[in-house]
Amino acid sequence: MPVRLKKFIGSILLVALVVIYALVATAVATARLAESSWVVHLAYFFFTGLLWVLPAMWIIKWMASAPKPRG
């Protein structure tokens, strides 16, 4: 796959990941943490704010990998 195409697809995937992840994390927080204290909210959003980095790192690693040589 050409490098430019991988970077284009990866960019779209990263934007989609961030938007969908933010919506899901917020929906879970409003459904499960409505009556919780501010400390629980802080811990939840700190944890979920860092958790999206794992799939993003995988996408970026895939984008940066060299194309396989044609045999």
PDB file of N, CA and C in Angstrom:
ATOM      1  N   MET A   1       0.842  -1.169   0.000  1.00  0.00           N
ATOM      2  CA  MET A   1       0.000   0.000   0.000  1.00  0.00           C
ATOM      3  C   MET A   1       0.891   1.237   0.000  1.00  0.00           C
ATOM      4  N   PRO A   2       0.599   2.204  -0.822  1.00  0.00           N
ATOM      5  CA  PRO A   2       1.416   3.427  -0.868  1.00  0.00           C
ATOM      6  C   PRO A   2       1.384   4.180   0.468  1.00  0.00           C
ATOM      7  N   VAL A   3       2.482   4.842   0.769  1.00  0.00           N
ATOM      8  CA  VAL A   3       2.623   5.550   2.041  1.00  0.00           C
ATOM      9  C   VAL A   3       1.570   6.643   2.174  1.00  0.00           C
ATOM     10  N   ARG A   4       1.315   7.369   1.113  1.00  0.00           N
ATOM     11  CA  ARG A   4       0.345   8.462   1.183  1.00  0.00           C
ATOM     12  C   ARG A   4      -1.055   7.941   1.492  1.00  0.00           C
ATOM     13  N   LEU A   5      -1.405   6.802   0.930  1.00  0.00           N
ATOM     14  CA  LEU A   5      -2.716   6.215   1.193  1.00  0.00           C
ATOM     15  C   LEU A   5      -2.808   5.736   2.641  1.00  0.00           C
ATOM     16  N   LYS A   6      -1.732   5.121   3.157  1.00  0.00           N
ATOM     17  CA  LYS A   6      -1.719   4.679   4.553  1.00  0.00           C
ATOM     18  C   LYS A   6      -1.886   5.870   5.499  1.00  0.00           C
ATOM     19  N   LYS A   7      -1.217   6.957   5.205  1.00  0.00           N
ATOM     20  CA  LYS A   7      -1.320   8.134   6.065  1.00  0.00           C
ATOM     21  C   LYS A   7      -2.707   8.763   5.987  1.00  0.00           C
ATOM     22  N   PHE A   8      -3.314   8.749   4.818  1.00  0.00           N
ATOM     23  CA  PHE A   8      -4.665   9.276   4.667  1.00  0.00           C
ATOM     24  C   PHE A   8      -5.661   8.431   5.456  1.00  0.00           C
ATOM     25  N   ILE A   9      -5.591   7.114   5.293  1.00  0.00           N
ATOM     26  CA  ILE A   9      -6.481   6.206   6.014  1.00  0.00           C
ATOM     27  C   ILE A   9      -6.238   6.317   7.518  1.00  0.00           C
ATOM     28  N   GLY A  10      -4.982   6.366   7.919  1.00  0.00           N
ATOM     29  CA  GLY A  10      -4.651   6.494   9.334  1.00  0.00           C
ATOM     30  C   GLY A  10      -5.169   7.785   9.942  1.00  0.00           C
ATOM     31  N   SER A  11      -5.093   8.870   9.196  1.00  0.00           N
ATOM     32  CA  SER A  11      -5.601  10.154   9.692  1.00  0.00           C
ATOM     33  C   SER A  11      -7.104  10.093   9.907  1.00  0.00           C
ATOM     34  N   ILE A  12      -7.811   9.501   8.969  1.00  0.00           N
ATOM     35  CA  ILE A  12      -9.263   9.362   9.110  1.00  0.00           C
ATOM     36  C   ILE A  12      -9.590   8.464  10.308  1.00  0.00           C
ATOM     37  N   LEU A  13      -8.845   7.367  10.466  1.00  0.00           N
ATOM     38  CA  LEU A  13      -9.070   6.475  11.601  1.00  0.00           C
ATOM     39  C   LEU A  13      -8.802   7.169  12.933  1.00  0.00           C
ATOM     40  N   LEU A  14      -7.768   7.990  12.994  1.00  0.00           N
ATOM     41  CA  LEU A  14      -7.464   8.702  14.242  1.00  0.00           C
ATOM     42  C   LEU A  14      -8.571   9.686  14.620  1.00  0.00           C
ATOM     43  N   VAL A  15      -9.061  10.423  13.644  1.00  0.00           N
ATOM     44  CA  VAL A  15     -10.147  11.370  13.925  1.00  0.00           C
ATOM     45  C   VAL A  15     -11.397  10.618  14.368  1.00  0.00           C
ATOM     46  N   ALA A  16     -11.724   9.533  13.668  1.00  0.00           N
ATOM     47  CA  ALA A  16     -12.897   8.736  14.039  1.00  0.00           C
ATOM     48  C   ALA A  16     -12.722   8.140  15.435  1.00  0.00           C
ATOM     49  N   LEU A  17     -11.536   7.654  15.742  1.00  0.00           N
ATOM     50  CA  LEU A  17     -11.264   7.085  17.062  1.00  0.00           C
ATOM     51  C   LEU A  17     -11.500   8.109  18.157  1.00  0.00           C
ATOM     52  N   VAL A  18     -10.976   9.297  17.978  1.00  0.00           N
ATOM     53  CA  VAL A  18     -11.104  10.328  19.011  1.00  0.00           C
ATOM     54  C   VAL A  18     -12.564  10.722  19.206  1.00  0.00           C
ATOM     55  N   VAL A  19     -13.287  10.918  18.125  1.00  0.00           N
ATOM     56  CA  VAL A  19     -14.690  11.339  18.230  1.00  0.00           C
ATOM     57  C   VAL A  19     -15.531  10.239  18.875  1.00  0.00           C
ATOM     58  N   ILE A  20     -15.424   9.025  18.382  1.00  0.00           N
ATOM     59  CA  ILE A  20     -16.229   7.927  18.916  1.00  0.00           C
ATOM     60  C   ILE A  20     -15.847   7.632  20.361  1.00  0.00           C
ATOM     61  N   TYR A  21     -14.561   7.630  20.656  1.00  0.00           N
ATOM     62  CA  TYR A  21     -14.102   7.349  22.014  1.00  0.00           C
ATOM     63  C   TYR A  21     -14.614   8.412  22.986  1.00  0.00           C
ATOM     64  N   ALA A  22     -14.557   9.668  22.595  1.00  0.00           N
ATOM     65  CA  ALA A  22     -15.031  10.740  23.476  1.00  0.00           C
ATOM     66  C   ALA A  22     -16.529  10.612  23.735  1.00  0.00           C
ATOM     67  N   LEU A  23     -17.293  10.297  22.695  1.00  0.00           N
ATOM     68  CA  LEU A  23     -18.736  10.138  22.873  1.00  0.00           C
ATOM     69  C   LEU A  23     -19.065   8.955  23.781  1.00  0.00           C
ATOM     70  N   VAL A  24     -18.395   7.842  23.581  1.00  0.00           N
ATOM     71  CA  VAL A  24     -18.647   6.653  24.406  1.00  0.00           C
ATOM     72  C   VAL A  24     -18.217   6.899  25.855  1.00  0.00           C
ATOM     73  N   ALA A  25     -17.047   7.485  26.051  1.00  0.00           N
ATOM     74  CA  ALA A  25     -16.570   7.752  27.414  1.00  0.00           C
ATOM     75  C   ALA A  25     -17.506   8.709  28.144  1.00  0.00           C
ATOM     76  N   THR A  26     -18.019   9.710  27.463  1.00  0.00           N
ATOM     77  CA  THR A  26     -18.948  10.650  28.082  1.00  0.00           C
ATOM     78  C   THR A  26     -20.289   9.997  28.365  1.00  0.00           C
ATOM     79  N   ALA A  27     -20.765   9.170  27.444  1.00  0.00           N
ATOM     80  CA  ALA A  27     -22.037   8.476  27.666  1.00  0.00           C
ATOM     81  C   ALA A  27     -21.948   7.526  28.856  1.00  0.00           C
ATOM     82  N   VAL A  28     -20.842   6.805  28.968  1.00  0.00           N
ATOM     83  CA  VAL A  28     -20.659   5.904  30.108  1.00  0.00           C
ATOM     84  C   VAL A  28     -20.588   6.715  31.404  1.00  0.00           C
ATOM     85  N   ALA A  29     -19.910   7.822  31.370  1.00  0.00           N
ATOM     86  CA  ALA A  29     -19.792   8.655  32.573  1.00  0.00           C
ATOM     87  C   ALA A  29     -21.150   9.191  33.012  1.00  0.00           C
ATOM     88  N   THR A  30     -21.954   9.649  32.087  1.00  0.00           N
ATOM     89  CA  THR A  30     -23.259  10.185  32.475  1.00  0.00           C
ATOM     90  C   THR A  30     -24.215   9.088  32.927  1.00  0.00           C
ATOM     91  N   ALA A  31     -24.083   7.896  32.369  1.00  0.00           N
ATOM     92  CA  ALA A  31     -24.974   6.806  32.745  1.00  0.00           C
ATOM     93  C   ALA A  31     -24.572   6.159  34.066  1.00  0.00           C
ATOM     94  N   ARG A  32     -23.278   6.039  34.335  1.00  0.00           N
ATOM     95  CA  ARG A  32     -22.806   5.303  35.509  1.00  0.00           C
ATOM     96  C   ARG A  32     -22.333   6.180  36.664  1.00  0.00           C
ATOM     97  N   LEU A  33     -21.887   7.386  36.359  1.00  0.00           N
ATOM     98  CA  LEU A  33     -21.258   8.206  37.399  1.00  0.00           C
ATOM     99  C   LEU A  33     -22.076   9.435  37.786  1.00  0.00           C
ATOM    100  N   ALA A  34     -23.353   9.419  37.510  1.00  0.00           N
ATOM    101  CA  ALA A  34     -24.172  10.608  37.744  1.00  0.00           C
ATOM    102  C   ALA A  34     -24.186  11.038  39.208  1.00  0.00           C
ATOM    103  N   GLU A  35     -24.229  10.097  40.112  1.00  0.00           N
ATOM    104  CA  GLU A  35     -24.313  10.413  41.536  1.00  0.00           C
ATOM    105  C   GLU A  35     -22.967  10.328  42.258  1.00  0.00           C
ATOM    106  N   SER A  36     -21.902  10.123  41.526  1.00  0.00           N
ATOM    107  CA  SER A  36     -20.579   9.967  42.149  1.00  0.00           C
ATOM    108  C   SER A  36     -19.971  11.314  42.497  1.00  0.00           C
ATOM    109  N   SER A  37     -18.968  11.267  43.349  1.00  0.00           N
ATOM    110  CA  SER A  37     -18.299  12.497  43.766  1.00  0.00           C
ATOM    111  C   SER A  37     -17.372  13.007  42.665  1.00  0.00           C
ATOM    112  N   TRP A  38     -16.872  14.198  42.880  1.00  0.00           N
ATOM    113  CA  TRP A  38     -16.002  14.803  41.871  1.00  0.00           C
ATOM    114  C   TRP A  38     -14.682  14.053  41.761  1.00  0.00           C
ATOM    115  N   VAL A  39     -14.259  13.400  42.835  1.00  0.00           N
ATOM    116  CA  VAL A  39     -13.007  12.646  42.803  1.00  0.00           C
ATOM    117  C   VAL A  39     -13.142  11.441  41.867  1.00  0.00           C
ATOM    118  N   VAL A  40     -14.279  10.771  41.907  1.00  0.00           N
ATOM    119  CA  VAL A  40     -14.525   9.635  41.017  1.00  0.00           C
ATOM    120  C   VAL A  40     -14.567  10.116  39.567  1.00  0.00           C
ATOM    121  N   HIS A  41     -15.221  11.241  39.337  1.00  0.00           N
ATOM    122  CA  HIS A  41     -15.262  11.816  37.988  1.00  0.00           C
ATOM    123  C   HIS A  41     -13.857  12.158  37.495  1.00  0.00           C
ATOM    124  N   LEU A  42     -13.074  12.768  38.365  1.00  0.00           N
ATOM    125  CA  LEU A  42     -11.707  13.131  38.005  1.00  0.00           C
ATOM    126  C   LEU A  42     -10.883  11.897  37.656  1.00  0.00           C
ATOM    127  N   ALA A  43     -10.982  10.862  38.486  1.00  0.00           N
ATOM    128  CA  ALA A  43     -10.225   9.632  38.224  1.00  0.00           C
ATOM    129  C   ALA A  43     -10.689   8.964  36.933  1.00  0.00           C
ATOM    130  N   TYR A  44     -12.010   8.928  36.712  1.00  0.00           N
ATOM    131  CA  TYR A  44     -12.541   8.297  35.505  1.00  0.00           C
ATOM    132  C   TYR A  44     -12.056   9.032  34.249  1.00  0.00           C
ATOM    133  N   PHE A  45     -12.195  10.335  34.221  1.00  0.00           N
ATOM    134  CA  PHE A  45     -11.802  11.076  33.031  1.00  0.00           C
ATOM    135  C   PHE A  45     -10.287  11.122  32.858  1.00  0.00           C
ATOM    136  N   PHE A  46      -9.534  11.049  33.929  1.00  0.00           N
ATOM    137  CA  PHE A  46      -8.081  10.937  33.804  1.00  0.00           C
ATOM    138  C   PHE A  46      -7.713   9.611  33.145  1.00  0.00           C
ATOM    139  N   PHE A  47      -8.312   8.526  33.645  1.00  0.00           N
ATOM    140  CA  PHE A  47      -8.031   7.200  33.097  1.00  0.00           C
ATOM    141  C   PHE A  47      -8.493   7.086  31.644  1.00  0.00           C
ATOM    142  N   THR A  48      -9.713   7.491  31.361  1.00  0.00           N
ATOM    143  CA  THR A  48     -10.212   7.382  29.985  1.00  0.00           C
ATOM    144  C   THR A  48      -9.522   8.380  29.058  1.00  0.00           C
ATOM    145  N   GLY A  49      -9.046   9.478  29.612  1.00  0.00           N
ATOM    146  CA  GLY A  49      -8.310  10.440  28.800  1.00  0.00           C
ATOM    147  C   GLY A  49      -6.965   9.904  28.343  1.00  0.00           C
ATOM    148  N   LEU A  50      -6.399   8.981  29.100  1.00  0.00           N
ATOM    149  CA  LEU A  50      -5.131   8.372  28.716  1.00  0.00           C
ATOM    150  C   LEU A  50      -5.307   7.075  27.939  1.00  0.00           C
ATOM    151  N   LEU A  51      -6.437   6.417  28.108  1.00  0.00           N
ATOM    152  CA  LEU A  51      -6.650   5.104  27.520  1.00  0.00           C
ATOM    153  C   LEU A  51      -6.746   5.129  25.991  1.00  0.00           C
ATOM    154  N   TRP A  52      -7.221   6.226  25.410  1.00  0.00           N
ATOM    155  CA  TRP A  52      -7.362   6.294  23.960  1.00  0.00           C
ATOM    156  C   TRP A  52      -6.009   6.281  23.249  1.00  0.00           C
ATOM    157  N   VAL A  53      -4.954   6.543  23.999  1.00  0.00           N
ATOM    158  CA  VAL A  53      -3.617   6.606  23.404  1.00  0.00           C
ATOM    159  C   VAL A  53      -3.178   5.235  22.882  1.00  0.00           C
ATOM    160  N   LEU A  54      -3.611   4.155  23.536  1.00  0.00           N
ATOM    161  CA  LEU A  54      -3.187   2.816  23.116  1.00  0.00           C
ATOM    162  C   LEU A  54      -3.620   2.483  21.684  1.00  0.00           C
ATOM    163  N   PRO A  55      -4.900   2.607  21.329  1.00  0.00           N
ATOM    164  CA  PRO A  55      -5.236   2.339  19.925  1.00  0.00           C
ATOM    165  C   PRO A  55      -4.654   3.390  18.971  1.00  0.00           C
ATOM    166  N   ALA A  56      -4.506   4.612  19.437  1.00  0.00           N
ATOM    167  CA  ALA A  56      -3.910   5.646  18.581  1.00  0.00           C
ATOM    168  C   ALA A  56      -2.453   5.319  18.270  1.00  0.00           C
ATOM    169  N   MET A  57      -1.725   4.780  19.259  1.00  0.00           N
ATOM    170  CA  MET A  57      -0.331   4.389  19.010  1.00  0.00           C
ATOM    171  C   MET A  57      -0.258   3.283  17.966  1.00  0.00           C
ATOM    172  N   TRP A  58      -1.189   2.337  18.028  1.00  0.00           N
ATOM    173  CA  TRP A  58      -1.208   1.249  17.046  1.00  0.00           C
ATOM    174  C   TRP A  58      -1.452   1.803  15.648  1.00  0.00           C
ATOM    175  N   ILE A  59      -2.390   2.749  15.511  1.00  0.00           N
ATOM    176  CA  ILE A  59      -2.680   3.341  14.200  1.00  0.00           C
ATOM    177  C   ILE A  59      -1.466   4.102  13.684  1.00  0.00           C
ATOM    178  N   ILE A  60      -0.824   4.879  14.539  1.00  0.00           N
ATOM    179  CA  ILE A  60       0.337   5.656  14.117  1.00  0.00           C
ATOM    180  C   ILE A  60       1.496   4.733  13.747  1.00  0.00           C
ATOM    181  N   LYS A  61       1.671   3.664  14.508  1.00  0.00           N
ATOM    182  CA  LYS A  61       2.723   2.694  14.176  1.00  0.00           C
ATOM    183  C   LYS A  61       2.462   2.074  12.804  1.00  0.00           C
ATOM    184  N   TRP A  62       1.209   1.730  12.526  1.00  0.00           N
ATOM    185  CA  TRP A  62       0.847   1.175  11.222  1.00  0.00           C
ATOM    186  C   TRP A  62       1.096   2.208  10.108  1.00  0.00           C
ATOM    187  N   MET A  63       0.754   3.458  10.361  1.00  0.00           N
ATOM    188  CA  MET A  63       0.951   4.514   9.361  1.00  0.00           C
ATOM    189  C   MET A  63       2.443   4.703   9.045  1.00  0.00           C
ATOM    190  N   ALA A  64       3.280   4.608  10.059  1.00  0.00           N
ATOM    191  CA  ALA A  64       4.711   4.899   9.891  1.00  0.00           C
ATOM    192  C   ALA A  64       5.509   3.715   9.385  1.00  0.00           C
ATOM    193  N   SER A  65       4.915   2.534   9.379  1.00  0.00           N
ATOM    194  CA  SER A  65       5.678   1.367   8.945  1.00  0.00           C
ATOM    195  C   SER A  65       5.979   1.453   7.457  1.00  0.00           C
ATOM    196  N   ALA A  66       7.150   0.917   7.099  1.00  0.00           N
ATOM    197  CA  ALA A  66       7.574   0.952   5.702  1.00  0.00           C
ATOM    198  C   ALA A  66       6.719  -0.013   4.885  1.00  0.00           C
ATOM    199  N   PRO A  67       6.468   0.340   3.660  1.00  0.00           N
ATOM    200  CA  PRO A  67       5.691  -0.584   2.813  1.00  0.00           C
ATOM    201  C   PRO A  67       6.476  -1.870   2.551  1.00  0.00           C
ATOM    202  N   LYS A  68       5.753  -2.950   2.452  1.00  0.00           N
ATOM    203  CA  LYS A  68       6.399  -4.236   2.198  1.00  0.00           C
ATOM    204  C   LYS A  68       6.910  -4.272   0.758  1.00  0.00           C
ATOM    205  N   PRO A  69       8.147  -4.743   0.567  1.00  0.00           N
ATOM    206  CA  PRO A  69       8.688  -4.807  -0.810  1.00  0.00           C
ATOM    207  C   PRO A  69       7.937  -5.851  -1.637  1.00  0.00           C
ATOM    208  N   ARG A  70       7.749  -5.525  -2.874  1.00  0.00           N
ATOM    209  CA  ARG A  70       7.088  -6.470  -3.764  1.00  0.00           C
ATOM    210  C   ARG A  70       8.097  -7.494  -4.230  1.00  0.00           C
ATOM    211  N   GLY A  71       7.663  -8.729  -4.170  1.00  0.00           N
ATOM    212  CA  GLY A  71       8.586  -9.812  -4.472  1.00  0.00           C
ATOM    213  C   GLY A  71       8.489 -10.248  -5.848  1.00  0.00           C
TER     214      GLY A  71
END
